[in-house]
C-alpha atoms as a PDB file:
ATOM      1  CA  MET A   1      14.235  -6.784  -1.604  1.00  0.00           C
ATOM      2  CA  THR A   2      15.965  -5.237   1.400  1.00  0.00           C
ATOM      3  CA  ALA A   3      18.406  -2.441   1.940  1.00  0.00           C
ATOM      4  CA  ASN A   4      21.826  -3.092   3.505  1.00  0.00           C
ATOM      5  CA  VAL A   5      22.140  -1.950   7.105  1.00  0.00           C
ATOM      6  CA  VAL A   6      24.988   0.185   8.342  1.00  0.00           C
ATOM      7  CA  GLU A   7      27.827  -1.385  10.256  1.00  0.00           C
ATOM      8  CA  ARG A   8      27.743   0.875  13.342  1.00  0.00           C
ATOM      9  CA  PRO A   9      25.533   3.471  15.035  1.00  0.00           C
ATOM     10  CA  VAL A  10      25.512   6.777  13.247  1.00  0.00           C
ATOM     11  CA  ALA A  11      25.713  10.096  15.047  1.00  0.00           C
ATOM     12  CA  SER A  12      22.944  12.661  14.620  1.00  0.00           C
ATOM     13  CA  SER A  13      24.971  14.756  12.148  1.00  0.00           C
ATOM     14  CA  GLY A  14      25.851  11.588  10.242  1.00  0.00           C
ATOM     15  CA  ARG A  15      22.194  10.706   9.923  1.00  0.00           C
ATOM     16  CA  THR A  16      21.435  14.181   8.596  1.00  0.00           C
ATOM     17  CA  THR A  17      24.236  13.925   6.053  1.00  0.00           C
ATOM     18  CA  GLY A  18      23.098  10.447   5.057  1.00  0.00           C
ATOM     19  CA  PHE A  19      19.523  11.652   4.622  1.00  0.00           C
ATOM     20  CA  ARG A  20      20.659  14.486   2.366  1.00  0.00           C
ATOM     21  CA  ALA A  21      22.735  12.068   0.303  1.00  0.00           C
ATOM     22  CA  VAL A  22      19.730   9.770  -0.126  1.00  0.00           C
ATOM     23  CA  VAL A  23      17.522  12.691  -1.200  1.00  0.00           C
ATOM     24  CA  ARG A  24      20.202  13.857  -3.639  1.00  0.00           C
ATOM     25  CA  ARG A  25      20.491  10.416  -5.225  1.00  0.00           C
ATOM     26  CA  ILE A  26      16.708  10.111  -5.544  1.00  0.00           C
ATOM     27  CA  LEU A  27      16.448  13.567  -7.138  1.00  0.00           C
ATOM     28  CA  GLN A  28      19.015  12.459  -9.718  1.00  0.00           C
ATOM     29  CA  ASP A  29      16.729   9.582 -10.741  1.00  0.00           C
ATOM     30  CA  ARG A  30      14.123  10.896 -13.185  1.00  0.00           C
ATOM     31  CA  TRP A  31      11.905   7.848 -12.785  1.00  0.00           C
ATOM     32  CA  ALA A  32      11.928   8.183  -9.006  1.00  0.00           C
ATOM     33  CA  VAL A  33      11.034  11.877  -9.200  1.00  0.00           C
ATOM     34  CA  THR A  34       8.248  11.156 -11.689  1.00  0.00           C
ATOM     35  CA  SER A  35       6.893   8.398  -9.453  1.00  0.00           C
ATOM     36  CA  ALA A  36       6.980  10.689  -6.418  1.00  0.00           C
ATOM     37  CA  VAL A  37       5.067  13.343  -8.352  1.00  0.00           C
ATOM     38  CA  VAL A  38       2.438  10.788  -9.410  1.00  0.00           C
ATOM     39  CA  ILE A  39       2.023   9.638  -5.804  1.00  0.00           C
ATOM     40  CA  VAL A  40       1.689  13.213  -4.558  1.00  0.00           C
ATOM     41  CA  VAL A  41      -0.916  13.966  -7.242  1.00  0.00           C
ATOM     42  CA  PHE A  42      -2.962  10.916  -6.233  1.00  0.00           C
ATOM     43  CA  LEU A  43      -2.687  11.866  -2.556  1.00  0.00           C
ATOM     44  CA  VAL A  44      -3.855  15.418  -3.305  1.00  0.00           C
ATOM     45  CA  VAL A  45      -6.744  14.081  -5.381  1.00  0.00           C
ATOM     46  CA  ALA A  46      -7.735  11.718  -2.561  1.00  0.00           C
ATOM     47  CA  VAL A  47      -7.677  14.484   0.059  1.00  0.00           C
ATOM     48  CA  ALA A  48      -9.366  17.062  -2.174  1.00  0.00           C
ATOM     49  CA  ALA A  49     -11.986  14.706  -3.639  1.00  0.00           C
ATOM     50  CA  PRO A  50     -14.963  16.602  -2.132  1.00  0.00           C
ATOM     51  CA  LEU A  51     -13.590  19.910  -3.435  1.00  0.00           C
ATOM     52  CA  ILE A  52     -13.007  18.435  -6.905  1.00  0.00           C
ATOM     53  CA  SER A  53     -16.527  17.034  -6.848  1.00  0.00           C
ATOM     54  CA  ALA A  54     -17.924  20.455  -5.937  1.00  0.00           C
ATOM     55  CA  VAL A  55     -15.950  22.171  -8.726  1.00  0.00           C
ATOM     56  CA  THR A  56     -16.995  19.679 -11.407  1.00  0.00           C
ATOM     57  CA  GLY A  57     -20.572  19.536 -10.130  1.00  0.00           C
ATOM     58  CA  GLN A  58     -20.565  15.726 -10.102  1.00  0.00           C
ATOM     59  CA  ASP A  59     -21.291  13.408  -7.204  1.00  0.00           C
ATOM     60  CA  PRO A  60     -20.086   9.767  -7.188  1.00  0.00           C
ATOM     61  CA  TYR A  61     -23.390   8.806  -5.559  1.00  0.00           C
ATOM     62  CA  GLY A  62     -25.617  10.763  -7.960  1.00  0.00           C
ATOM     63  CA  TYR A  63     -27.578   8.864 -10.608  1.00  0.00           C
ATOM     64  CA  ASP A  64     -28.046  10.337 -14.099  1.00  0.00           C
ATOM     65  CA  ILE A  65     -30.548   8.115 -15.868  1.00  0.00           C
ATOM     66  CA  ASP A  66     -30.829  10.592 -18.738  1.00  0.00           C
ATOM     67  CA  ALA A  67     -27.227   9.731 -19.723  1.00  0.00           C
ATOM     68  CA  LEU A  68     -28.268   6.107 -20.427  1.00  0.00           C
ATOM     69  CA  ASN A  69     -30.100   4.563 -23.337  1.00  0.00           C
ATOM     70  CA  SER A  70     -32.985   2.114 -23.072  1.00  0.00           C
ATOM     71  CA  PHE A  71     -30.532  -0.795 -22.538  1.00  0.00           C
ATOM     72  CA  GLY A  72     -28.790   0.856 -19.595  1.00  0.00           C
ATOM     73  CA  ALA A  73     -25.648   1.657 -21.606  1.00  0.00           C
ATOM     74  CA  PRO A  74     -24.261   5.218 -21.674  1.00  0.00           C
ATOM     75  CA  LYS A  75     -25.218   7.375 -24.620  1.00  0.00           C
ATOM     76  CA  GLY A  76     -22.559   8.811 -26.888  1.00  0.00           C
ATOM     77  CA  PHE A  77     -18.889   8.136 -27.548  1.00  0.00           C
ATOM     78  CA  GLY A  78     -16.505   6.443 -25.135  1.00  0.00           C
ATOM     79  CA  GLY A  79     -19.026   5.370 -22.555  1.00  0.00           C
ATOM     80  CA  GLY A  80     -20.772   8.722 -22.411  1.00  0.00           C
ATOM     81  CA  ILE A  81     -17.726  11.046 -22.383  1.00  0.00           C
ATOM     82  CA  SER A  82     -18.889  14.643 -22.622  1.00  0.00           C
ATOM     83  CA  GLY A  83     -18.291  18.091 -21.201  1.00  0.00           C
ATOM     84  CA  GLU A  84     -20.484  17.137 -18.265  1.00  0.00           C
ATOM     85  CA  HIS A  85     -19.016  13.651 -17.722  1.00  0.00           C
ATOM     86  CA  TRP A  86     -15.263  13.799 -18.412  1.00  0.00           C
ATOM     87  CA  PHE A  87     -14.675  10.044 -18.065  1.00  0.00           C
ATOM     88  CA  GLY A  88     -18.158   8.965 -19.112  1.00  0.00           C
ATOM     89  CA  VAL A  89     -20.773   7.379 -16.867  1.00  0.00           C
ATOM     90  CA  GLU A  90     -21.267   4.037 -15.171  1.00  0.00           C
ATOM     91  CA  PRO A  91     -23.576   1.596 -16.997  1.00  0.00           C
ATOM     92  CA  LEU A  92     -27.036   1.008 -15.476  1.00  0.00           C
ATOM     93  CA  THR A  93     -26.645   3.801 -12.902  1.00  0.00           C
ATOM     94  CA  GLY A  94     -25.330   6.778 -14.864  1.00  0.00           C
ATOM     95  CA  ARG A  95     -22.953   7.737 -12.044  1.00  0.00           C
ATOM     96  CA  ASP A  96     -20.098   9.975 -13.125  1.00  0.00           C
ATOM     97  CA  LEU A  97     -16.917   7.920 -13.650  1.00  0.00           C
ATOM     98  CA  PHE A  98     -14.592  10.861 -13.030  1.00  0.00           C
ATOM     99  CA  ALA A  99     -16.125  11.334  -9.580  1.00  0.00           C
ATOM    100  CA  ILE A 100     -15.941   7.584  -8.930  1.00  0.00           C
ATOM    101  CA  VAL A 101     -12.247   7.433  -9.912  1.00  0.00           C
ATOM    102  CA  THR A 102     -11.512  10.543  -7.811  1.00  0.00           C
ATOM    103  CA  TYR A 103     -13.211   9.205  -4.702  1.00  0.00           C
ATOM    104  CA  GLY A 104     -11.814   5.745  -5.447  1.00  0.00           C
ATOM    105  CA  ALA A 105      -8.354   7.182  -4.744  1.00  0.00           C
ATOM    106  CA  ARG A 106      -9.502   7.694  -1.154  1.00  0.00           C
ATOM    107  CA  THR A 107     -10.551   4.076  -0.828  1.00  0.00           C
ATOM    108  CA  SER A 108      -7.463   2.592  -2.489  1.00  0.00           C
ATOM    109  CA  LEU A 109      -4.858   4.796  -0.810  1.00  0.00           C
ATOM    110  CA  GLY A 110      -6.624   4.915   2.541  1.00  0.00           C
ATOM    111  CA  ILE A 111      -6.937   1.154   2.840  1.00  0.00           C
ATOM    112  CA  GLY A 112      -3.524   0.505   1.251  1.00  0.00           C
ATOM    113  CA  LEU A 113      -1.654   2.883   3.571  1.00  0.00           C
ATOM    114  CA  ALA A 114      -3.541   1.784   6.691  1.00  0.00           C
ATOM    115  CA  ALA A 115      -3.024  -1.922   5.967  1.00  0.00           C
ATOM    116  CA  THR A 116       0.674  -1.309   5.240  1.00  0.00           C
ATOM    117  CA  PHE A 117       1.080   0.591   8.520  1.00  0.00           C
ATOM    118  CA  LEU A 118      -0.601  -2.244  10.449  1.00  0.00           C
ATOM    119  CA  SER A 119       1.512  -4.953   8.805  1.00  0.00           C
ATOM    120  CA  ILE A 120       4.748  -2.983   9.265  1.00  0.00           C
ATOM    121  CA  VAL A 121       4.092  -2.293  12.961  1.00  0.00           C
ATOM    122  CA  ILE A 122       3.282  -5.933  13.744  1.00  0.00           C
ATOM    123  CA  GLY A 123       5.985  -7.313  11.473  1.00  0.00           C
ATOM    124  CA  VAL A 124       8.733  -5.075  12.850  1.00  0.00           C
ATOM    125  CA  LEU A 125       7.727  -5.802  16.454  1.00  0.00           C
ATOM    126  CA  VAL A 126       7.703  -9.556  15.876  1.00  0.00           C
ATOM    127  CA  GLY A 127      10.796  -9.590  13.659  1.00  0.00           C
ATOM    128  CA  VAL A 128      13.079  -7.518  15.854  1.00  0.00           C
ATOM    129  CA  THR A 129      12.053  -9.263  19.095  1.00  0.00           C
ATOM    130  CA  THR A 130      12.367 -12.792  17.705  1.00  0.00           C
ATOM    131  CA  GLY A 131      15.750 -11.993  16.176  1.00  0.00           C
ATOM    132  CA  PHE A 132      17.042 -10.382  19.367  1.00  0.00           C
ATOM    133  CA  PHE A 133      15.490 -12.565  22.097  1.00  0.00           C
ATOM    134  CA  GLY A 134      15.782 -15.916  20.293  1.00  0.00           C
ATOM    135  CA  GLY A 135      15.089 -19.126  22.213  1.00  0.00           C
ATOM    136  CA  TRP A 136      11.629 -20.613  22.558  1.00  0.00           C
ATOM    137  CA  TYR A 137      10.030 -17.248  21.742  1.00  0.00           C
ATOM    138  CA  ASP A 138      11.736 -17.192  18.356  1.00  0.00           C
ATOM    139  CA  ARG A 139      10.846 -20.826  17.637  1.00  0.00           C
ATOM    140  CA  VAL A 140       7.161 -20.408  18.498  1.00  0.00           C
ATOM    141  CA  LEU A 141       6.617 -17.216  16.505  1.00  0.00           C
ATOM    142  CA  SER A 142       8.624 -18.567  13.560  1.00  0.00           C
ATOM    143  CA  ARG A 143       6.197 -21.502  13.412  1.00  0.00           C
ATOM    144  CA  VAL A 144       3.252 -19.060  13.598  1.00  0.00           C
ATOM    145  CA  VAL A 145       4.703 -17.207  10.620  1.00  0.00           C
ATOM    146  CA  ASP A 146       5.066 -20.472   8.709  1.00  0.00           C
ATOM    147  CA  VAL A 147       1.442 -21.389   9.455  1.00  0.00           C
ATOM    148  CA  ILE A 148       0.148 -18.018   8.230  1.00  0.00           C
ATOM    149  CA  PHE A 149       2.235 -18.353   5.072  1.00  0.00           C
ATOM    150  CA  GLY A 150       0.586 -21.736   4.518  1.00  0.00           C
ATOM    151  CA  PHE A 151      -2.905 -20.218   4.390  1.00  0.00           C
ATOM    152  CA  LEU A 152      -4.505 -19.528   1.033  1.00  0.00           C
ATOM    153  CA  SER A 153      -4.757 -15.882   1.988  1.00  0.00           C
ATOM    154  CA  LEU A 154      -7.149 -14.717  -0.752  1.00  0.00           C
ATOM    155  CA  VAL A 155      -9.591 -17.548  -0.055  1.00  0.00           C
ATOM    156  CA  PHE A 156      -9.428 -16.838   3.677  1.00  0.00           C
ATOM    157  CA  MET A 157      -9.961 -13.116   3.061  1.00  0.00           C
ATOM    158  CA  ILE A 158     -13.037 -13.816   0.945  1.00  0.00           C
ATOM    159  CA  ALA A 159     -14.474 -16.201   3.533  1.00  0.00           C
ATOM    160  CA  LEU A 160     -13.807 -13.865   6.454  1.00  0.00           C
ATOM    161  CA  THR A 161     -15.197 -10.732   4.797  1.00  0.00           C
ATOM    162  CA  ALA A 162     -18.278 -12.719   3.768  1.00  0.00           C
ATOM    163  CA  ILE A 163     -19.161 -14.062   7.237  1.00  0.00           C
ATOM    164  CA  VAL A 164     -18.472 -10.960   9.354  1.00  0.00           C
ATOM    165  CA  PRO A 165     -21.710  -9.125  10.279  1.00  0.00           C
ATOM    166  CA  THR A 166     -22.654  -6.329   7.904  1.00  0.00           C
ATOM    167  CA  SER A 167     -22.780  -3.894  10.839  1.00  0.00           C
ATOM    168  CA  PHE A 168     -18.971  -4.049  11.088  1.00  0.00           C
ATOM    169  CA  PRO A 169     -17.399  -1.257   8.952  1.00  0.00           C
ATOM    170  CA  LYS A 170     -16.181  -2.922   5.779  1.00  0.00           C
ATOM    171  CA  PRO A 171     -13.169  -0.610   5.185  1.00  0.00           C
ATOM    172  CA  VAL A 172     -11.905  -1.347   8.707  1.00  0.00           C
ATOM    173  CA  LEU A 173     -12.409  -5.078   8.176  1.00  0.00           C
ATOM    174  CA  VAL A 174     -10.524  -4.997   4.865  1.00  0.00           C
ATOM    175  CA  VAL A 175      -7.627  -3.144   6.525  1.00  0.00           C
ATOM    176  CA  LEU A 176      -7.473  -5.687   9.366  1.00  0.00           C
ATOM    177  CA  VAL A 177      -7.638  -8.700   7.052  1.00  0.00           C
ATOM    178  CA  ILE A 178      -5.078  -7.426   4.525  1.00  0.00           C
ATOM    179  CA  GLY A 179      -2.766  -6.135   7.243  1.00  0.00           C
ATOM    180  CA  PHE A 180      -2.934  -9.450   9.110  1.00  0.00           C
ATOM    181  CA  PHE A 181      -1.748 -11.401   6.087  1.00  0.00           C
ATOM    182  CA  GLY A 182       0.953  -8.819   5.326  1.00  0.00           C
ATOM    183  CA  TRP A 183       2.964  -8.812   8.553  1.00  0.00           C
ATOM    184  CA  PRO A 184       4.587 -12.302   8.354  1.00  0.00           C
ATOM    185  CA  SER A 185       6.717 -11.359   5.341  1.00  0.00           C
ATOM    186  CA  VAL A 186       7.798  -8.155   7.105  1.00  0.00           C
ATOM    187  CA  ALA A 187       8.667 -10.121  10.255  1.00  0.00           C
ATOM    188  CA  ARG A 188      10.789 -12.596   8.312  1.00  0.00           C
ATOM    189  CA  VAL A 189      12.823  -9.860   6.617  1.00  0.00           C
ATOM    190  CA  VAL A 190      13.302  -7.837   9.818  1.00  0.00           C
ATOM    191  CA  ARG A 191      14.238 -10.953  11.801  1.00  0.00           C
ATOM    192  CA  GLY A 192      16.971 -11.796   9.285  1.00  0.00           C
ATOM    193  CA  GLN A 193      18.369  -8.265   9.449  1.00  0.00           C
ATOM    194  CA  THR A 194      18.205  -8.306  13.260  1.00  0.00           C
ATOM    195  CA  LEU A 195      20.164 -11.564  13.441  1.00  0.00           C
ATOM    196  CA  SER A 196      22.943  -9.905  11.443  1.00  0.00           C
ATOM    197  CA  LEU A 197      22.940  -6.901  13.782  1.00  0.00           C
ATOM    198  CA  VAL A 198      22.988  -8.643  17.179  1.00  0.00           C
ATOM    199  CA  SER A 199      26.542  -9.870  16.584  1.00  0.00           C
ATOM    200  CA  ARG A 200      27.844  -6.360  15.861  1.00  0.00           C
ATOM    201  CA  ASN A 201      30.355  -5.023  18.392  1.00  0.00           C
ATOM    202  CA  TYR A 202      28.259  -2.047  19.457  1.00  0.00           C
ATOM    203  CA  VAL A 203      25.247  -4.258  20.271  1.00  0.00           C
ATOM    204  CA  VAL A 204      27.402  -6.766  22.154  1.00  0.00           C
ATOM    205  CA  ALA A 205      29.103  -3.916  24.033  1.00  0.00           C
ATOM    206  CA  SER A 206      25.803  -2.280  24.985  1.00  0.00           C
ATOM    207  CA  THR A 207      24.464  -5.573  26.296  1.00  0.00           C
ATOM    208  CA  ALA A 208      27.669  -6.302  28.221  1.00  0.00           C
ATOM    209  CA  MET A 209      27.536  -2.867  29.847  1.00  0.00           C
ATOM    210  CA  GLY A 210      24.103  -3.666  31.265  1.00  0.00           C
ATOM    211  CA  ALA A 211      21.824  -1.880  28.787  1.00  0.00           C
ATOM    212  CA  GLY A 212      18.267  -3.188  28.927  1.00  0.00           C
ATOM    213  CA  ARG A 213      16.923  -5.239  26.058  1.00  0.00           C
ATOM    214  CA  TRP A 214      14.323  -2.696  25.010  1.00  0.00           C
ATOM    215  CA  HIS A 215      16.919   0.071  25.247  1.00  0.00           C
ATOM    216  CA  VAL A 216      19.157  -1.846  22.840  1.00  0.00           C
ATOM    217  CA  ILE A 217      16.235  -2.471  20.500  1.00  0.00           C
ATOM    218  CA  ARG A 218      15.176   1.173  20.557  1.00  0.00           C
ATOM    219  CA  THR A 219      18.606   2.832  20.299  1.00  0.00           C
ATOM    220  CA  GLN A 220      20.785   0.270  18.486  1.00  0.00           C
ATOM    221  CA  LEU A 221      18.622  -1.996  16.356  1.00  0.00           C
ATOM    222  CA  LEU A 222      15.677   0.068  15.103  1.00  0.00           C
ATOM    223  CA  PRO A 223      17.802   2.999  13.805  1.00  0.00           C
ATOM    224  CA  ASN A 224      19.887   0.530  11.796  1.00  0.00           C
ATOM    225  CA  LEU A 225      16.755  -1.232  10.541  1.00  0.00           C
ATOM    226  CA  ALA A 226      15.152   2.023   9.382  1.00  0.00           C
ATOM    227  CA  ALA A 227      16.397   1.702   5.801  1.00  0.00           C
ATOM    228  CA  THR A 228      15.088  -1.847   5.452  1.00  0.00           C
ATOM    229  CA  ILE A 229      11.741  -0.933   7.007  1.00  0.00           C
ATOM    230  CA  THR A 230      11.344   2.163   4.805  1.00  0.00           C
ATOM    231  CA  VAL A 231      12.027   0.286   1.589  1.00  0.00           C
ATOM    232  CA  TYR A 232       9.845  -2.663   2.538  1.00  0.00           C
ATOM    233  CA  ALA A 233       6.961  -0.377   3.520  1.00  0.00           C
ATOM    234  CA  THR A 234       7.159   1.456   0.197  1.00  0.00           C
ATOM    235  CA  ILE A 235       7.107  -1.701  -1.896  1.00  0.00           C
ATOM    236  CA  SER A 236       4.354  -3.224   0.273  1.00  0.00           C
ATOM    237  CA  ILE A 237       1.834  -0.465  -0.429  1.00  0.00           C
ATOM    238  CA  PRO A 238       1.128  -1.588  -4.048  1.00  0.00           C
ATOM    239  CA  SER A 239       0.377  -5.144  -2.920  1.00  0.00           C
ATOM    240  CA  MET A 240      -2.026  -3.817  -0.267  1.00  0.00           C
ATOM    241  CA  ILE A 241      -3.763  -1.612  -2.829  1.00  0.00           C
ATOM    242  CA  GLY A 242      -3.953  -4.593  -5.186  1.00  0.00           C
ATOM    243  CA  ALA A 243      -5.401  -6.808  -2.445  1.00  0.00           C
ATOM    244  CA  GLU A 244      -8.149  -4.265  -1.745  1.00  0.00           C
ATOM    245  CA  ALA A 245      -8.900  -4.012  -5.453  1.00  0.00           C
ATOM    246  CA  ALA A 246      -9.043  -7.821  -5.736  1.00  0.00           C
ATOM    247  CA  LEU A 247     -11.489  -8.102  -2.836  1.00  0.00           C
ATOM    248  CA  SER A 248     -13.680  -5.323  -4.239  1.00  0.00           C
ATOM    249  CA  PHE A 249     -13.471  -6.913  -7.702  1.00  0.00           C
ATOM    250  CA  LEU A 250     -14.823 -10.125  -6.157  1.00  0.00           C
ATOM    251  CA  ALA A 251     -17.611  -8.131  -4.431  1.00  0.00           C
ATOM    252  CA  VAL A 252     -16.370  -8.884  -0.897  1.00  0.00           C
ATOM    253  CA  GLY A 253     -14.497  -5.620  -0.320  1.00  0.00           C
ATOM    254  CA  VAL A 254     -16.026  -2.253   0.505  1.00  0.00           C
ATOM    255  CA  THR A 255     -19.790  -2.240   0.052  1.00  0.00           C
ATOM    256  CA  PRO A 256     -21.588  -0.364  -2.730  1.00  0.00           C
ATOM    257  CA  PRO A 257     -22.076   2.459  -3.446  1.00  0.00           C
ATOM    258  CA  THR A 258     -18.702   3.366  -1.874  1.00  0.00           C
ATOM    259  CA  PRO A 259     -16.392   4.175  -4.828  1.00  0.00           C
ATOM    260  CA  SER A 260     -13.750   1.497  -5.332  1.00  0.00           C
ATOM    261  CA  ARG A 261     -11.528   0.983  -8.334  1.00  0.00           C
ATOM    262  CA  GLY A 262     -11.585  -2.777  -7.925  1.00  0.00           C
ATOM    263  CA  ARG A 263     -15.357  -2.916  -8.023  1.00  0.00           C
ATOM    264  CA  SER A 264     -15.447  -0.415 -10.924  1.00  0.00           C
ATOM    265  CA  ILE A 265     -13.150  -2.732 -12.877  1.00  0.00           C
ATOM    266  CA  GLY A 266     -15.306  -5.735 -11.935  1.00  0.00           C
ATOM    267  CA  ASP A 267     -18.467  -3.963 -13.081  1.00  0.00           C
ATOM    268  CA  ALA A 268     -16.778  -2.858 -16.307  1.00  0.00           C
ATOM    269  CA  VAL A 269     -15.776  -6.411 -17.263  1.00  0.00           C
ATOM    270  CA  GLY A 270     -19.391  -7.259 -18.071  1.00  0.00           C
ATOM    271  CA  TRP A 271     -19.602  -4.304 -20.447  1.00  0.00           C
ATOM    272  CA  VAL A 272     -16.165  -4.470 -22.030  1.00  0.00           C
ATOM    273  CA  GLN A 273     -17.489  -5.989 -25.278  1.00  0.00           C
ATOM    274  CA  THR A 274     -20.047  -3.200 -25.542  1.00  0.00           C
ATOM    275  CA  ASP A 275     -17.522  -0.425 -24.887  1.00  0.00           C
ATOM    276  CA  PRO A 276     -14.034  -1.041 -23.453  1.00  0.00           C
ATOM    277  CA  MET A 277     -13.742   2.596 -22.334  1.00  0.00           C
ATOM    278  CA  TYR A 278     -15.544   1.732 -19.087  1.00  0.00           C
ATOM    279  CA  LEU A 279     -12.446  -0.206 -18.071  1.00  0.00           C
ATOM    280  CA  VAL A 280      -9.785   2.288 -19.130  1.00  0.00           C
ATOM    281  CA  PHE A 281      -9.846   5.040 -16.505  1.00  0.00           C
ATOM    282  CA  SER A 282     -10.270   2.913 -13.364  1.00  0.00           C
ATOM    283  CA  GLY A 283      -7.695   0.422 -14.654  1.00  0.00           C
ATOM    284  CA  ALA A 284      -5.226   3.155 -15.617  1.00  0.00           C
ATOM    285  CA  ALA A 285      -5.533   4.857 -12.214  1.00  0.00           C
ATOM    286  CA  LEU A 286      -4.911   1.578 -10.389  1.00  0.00           C
ATOM    287  CA  PHE A 287      -1.975   0.745 -12.668  1.00  0.00           C
ATOM    288  CA  LEU A 288      -0.323   4.159 -12.292  1.00  0.00           C
ATOM    289  CA  ILE A 289      -0.414   4.296  -8.506  1.00  0.00           C
ATOM    290  CA  THR A 290       0.912   0.756  -8.045  1.00  0.00           C
ATOM    291  CA  LEU A 291       3.644   1.330 -10.644  1.00  0.00           C
ATOM    292  CA  ALA A 292       4.652   4.614  -9.000  1.00  0.00           C
ATOM    293  CA  PHE A 293       5.058   3.031  -5.560  1.00  0.00           C
ATOM    294  CA  ASN A 294       7.042   0.121  -7.014  1.00  0.00           C
ATOM    295  CA  VAL A 295       9.420   2.404  -8.923  1.00  0.00           C
ATOM    296  CA  LEU A 296       9.875   4.684  -5.906  1.00  0.00           C
ATOM    297  CA  GLY A 297      10.536   1.660  -3.686  1.00  0.00           C
ATOM    298  CA  ASP A 298      13.248   0.425  -6.057  1.00  0.00           C
ATOM    299  CA  ALA A 299      14.793   3.905  -6.130  1.00  0.00           C
ATOM    300  CA  LEU A 300      14.798   4.080  -2.325  1.00  0.00           C
ATOM    301  CA  ARG A 301      16.454   0.684  -2.127  1.00  0.00           C
ATOM    302  CA  ASP A 302      19.210   1.793  -4.501  1.00  0.00           C
ATOM    303  CA  ALA A 303      19.665   5.151  -2.758  1.00  0.00           C
ATOM    304  CA  LEU A 304      19.935   3.556   0.687  1.00  0.00           C
ATOM    305  CA  ASP A 305      22.376   0.884  -0.467  1.00  0.00           C
ATOM    306  CA  PRO A 306      25.932   1.998   0.391  1.00  0.00           C
ATOM    307  CA  ARG A 307      27.353  -0.098  -2.454  1.00  0.00           C
ATOM    308  CA  GLY A 308      24.978   1.639  -4.856  1.00  0.00           C
ATOM    309  CA  ALA A 309      26.129   4.999  -3.498  1.00  0.00           C
ATOM    310  CA  ARG A 310      29.782   4.090  -4.163  1.00  0.00           C
ATOM    311  CA  ARG A 311      28.926   3.067  -7.703  1.00  0.00           C
END
């Protein structure tokens, strides 16, 4: 899914007007506004996790053995839901699930946003240069993209995260691995958009007048690729969050006891027949944030599409 690019460079005032029109169209979409609110709430929760933990008096690393029965299962209804433990407690450890879900927002959003930023930066750089320079450079990097697409990315991620020394920070490794496998799709989309832009009159005129290649890329191509990049970045974040959750679910993501929704879901699977409530809150949080980014990405695509604006 990509947004249509504009036909010519837009003056500063035109960009401001266009930005206001995009904001106005998004504000008219109730689903987009709701999704934006959900994302903001999750971001606030992620940033304020230590404060929330201090207010509730619960620590995601604190064990409460008294909340467990002799089998290691939480006492009481709904996996130990009570006034002290709002979402219940984790089986075997007694850790507070509300604190784990709250701090898990930091892990999911932090890794998802960082991996998206890495993939977008690499993908845009490769895509715009291959589309503009062409020649042997384009052919070589296009083959590199094809090779990376041919990898079984999840298997490679599992193998790589398993063999890297434990001294290497796992969150950083997960960001690097997920971001590395995310940039080829960005590069392919940006390259296609760049190829459609290089034949525009203003790009041809700038080149004919002696403008440097990087000047053309910076002043002519990137501003007209901004809509495509923005939309693609927004819809890429859920897949990055999902990739982190998948790795943590398979026990090769961030290391325990770091809160992670993927690992919480993986741990809950073994207890789901005893009490399915262990799965509900971590699964719902992961579902809501990925859905919100997807809906907002679709709304941005529609708002930035000139044909959609005319309709």
